[in-house]
Amino acid sequence: MSDTATKRRHTAGLLDIRNIIGGLLFVYGVILTVMGIFGDPEYDKTGDVNANLWAGIALLVGGGAFILWARLRPIVVPEHQDADVDEGSP
């Protein structure tokens, strides 16, 4: 059996920065969306716009896009290979 047939793809997984950024955006989006729905919208300060709700929805979409991007195009981590270095050279 060849060596290439037994190799498995190794991806960055949870350590992919897109997952971390997407997760943070998603968590903040949930918090702002909940505050926009249940909190005081303070329309007089925001020009008759529920800023928390709309910012929360935008963060949910942005966080979801990052997570979806990381799932659809994962970063493949190269396998560790020993360098072919001549031990006699400086």
Protein backbone atom coordinates (compact mmCIF):
# COMPACT_ATOMS: atom_id res chain seq x y z
CA MET A 1 0.00 0.00 0.00
CA SER A 2 1.43 3.38 -0.95
CA ASP A 3 2.18 6.08 1.57
CA THR A 4 -0.11 8.59 -0.15
CA ALA A 5 -3.10 6.23 0.05
CA THR A 6 -2.91 6.09 3.85
CA LYS A 7 -2.55 9.87 4.36
CA ARG A 8 -5.52 11.65 5.84
CA ARG A 9 -6.37 15.31 5.42
CA HIS A 10 -5.59 17.23 8.59
CA THR A 11 -7.39 20.57 8.92
CA ALA A 12 -6.88 23.44 11.36
CA GLY A 13 -10.28 22.73 12.96
CA LEU A 14 -11.18 24.89 15.94
CA LEU A 15 -7.81 26.65 15.82
CA ASP A 16 -8.70 28.20 12.48
CA ILE A 17 -8.89 31.95 13.11
CA ARG A 18 -12.11 32.15 11.06
CA ASN A 19 -13.85 29.90 13.58
CA ILE A 20 -12.66 32.03 16.49
CA ILE A 21 -13.71 35.31 14.88
CA GLY A 22 -17.00 33.83 13.68
CA GLY A 23 -17.78 32.45 17.12
CA LEU A 24 -17.08 35.77 18.83
CA LEU A 25 -19.18 37.70 16.32
CA PHE A 26 -21.98 35.17 16.70
CA VAL A 27 -21.98 35.36 20.53
CA TYR A 28 -22.01 39.17 20.49
CA GLY A 29 -24.75 39.05 17.87
CA VAL A 30 -26.91 36.84 20.08
CA ILE A 31 -26.41 39.20 23.03
CA LEU A 32 -27.28 42.31 21.00
CA THR A 33 -30.27 40.64 19.34
CA VAL A 34 -31.69 39.59 22.69
CA MET A 35 -31.12 43.09 24.06
CA GLY A 36 -32.77 44.55 20.98
CA ILE A 37 -35.85 42.37 21.44
CA PHE A 38 -36.24 42.57 25.22
CA GLY A 39 -34.33 45.73 26.18
CA ASP A 40 -35.30 49.37 25.96
CA PRO A 41 -34.74 50.41 22.31
CA GLU A 42 -34.22 54.12 23.23
CA TYR A 43 -35.56 55.36 19.91
CA ASP A 44 -34.92 59.01 20.79
CA LYS A 45 -31.14 58.40 20.91
CA THR A 46 -30.90 56.34 17.71
CA GLY A 47 -33.21 58.18 15.33
CA ASP A 48 -36.19 55.78 15.57
CA VAL A 49 -34.04 52.70 14.86
CA ASN A 50 -33.59 49.75 17.19
CA ALA A 51 -29.79 49.83 16.95
CA ASN A 52 -29.17 46.81 19.18
CA LEU A 53 -31.49 44.62 17.14
CA TRP A 54 -30.06 45.59 13.76
CA ALA A 55 -26.43 45.45 14.93
CA GLY A 56 -27.13 42.04 16.50
CA ILE A 57 -28.65 40.70 13.29
CA ALA A 58 -25.68 42.03 11.29
CA LEU A 59 -23.24 40.34 13.71
CA LEU A 60 -25.18 37.06 13.50
CA VAL A 61 -24.95 37.15 9.70
CA GLY A 62 -21.24 38.08 9.79
CA GLY A 63 -20.39 35.41 12.35
CA GLY A 64 -22.37 32.81 10.43
CA ALA A 65 -20.56 33.77 7.23
CA PHE A 66 -17.14 33.30 8.89
CA ILE A 67 -18.13 29.90 10.30
CA LEU A 68 -19.63 28.79 6.99
CA TRP A 69 -16.50 29.95 5.15
CA ALA A 70 -14.30 27.92 7.50
CA ARG A 71 -16.48 24.82 7.03
CA LEU A 72 -16.67 25.04 3.24
CA ARG A 73 -12.98 25.85 2.63
CA PRO A 74 -10.98 24.40 5.53
CA ILE A 75 -7.28 25.13 5.85
CA VAL A 76 -5.31 21.94 5.27
CA VAL A 77 -2.31 21.67 7.58
CA PRO A 78 0.72 20.08 5.91
CA GLU A 79 2.12 16.94 7.50
CA HIS A 80 5.33 17.31 9.47
CA GLN A 81 8.29 16.25 7.40
CA ASP A 82 11.85 16.03 8.60
CA ALA A 83 14.17 18.31 6.68
CA ASP A 84 16.80 16.58 4.62
CA VAL A 85 19.73 18.38 6.19
CA ASP A 86 23.27 17.13 5.90
CA GLU A 87 24.57 16.86 9.45
CA GLY A 88 28.12 17.65 8.38
CA SER A 89 27.31 21.09 6.92
CA PRO A 90 27.25 24.24 9.10
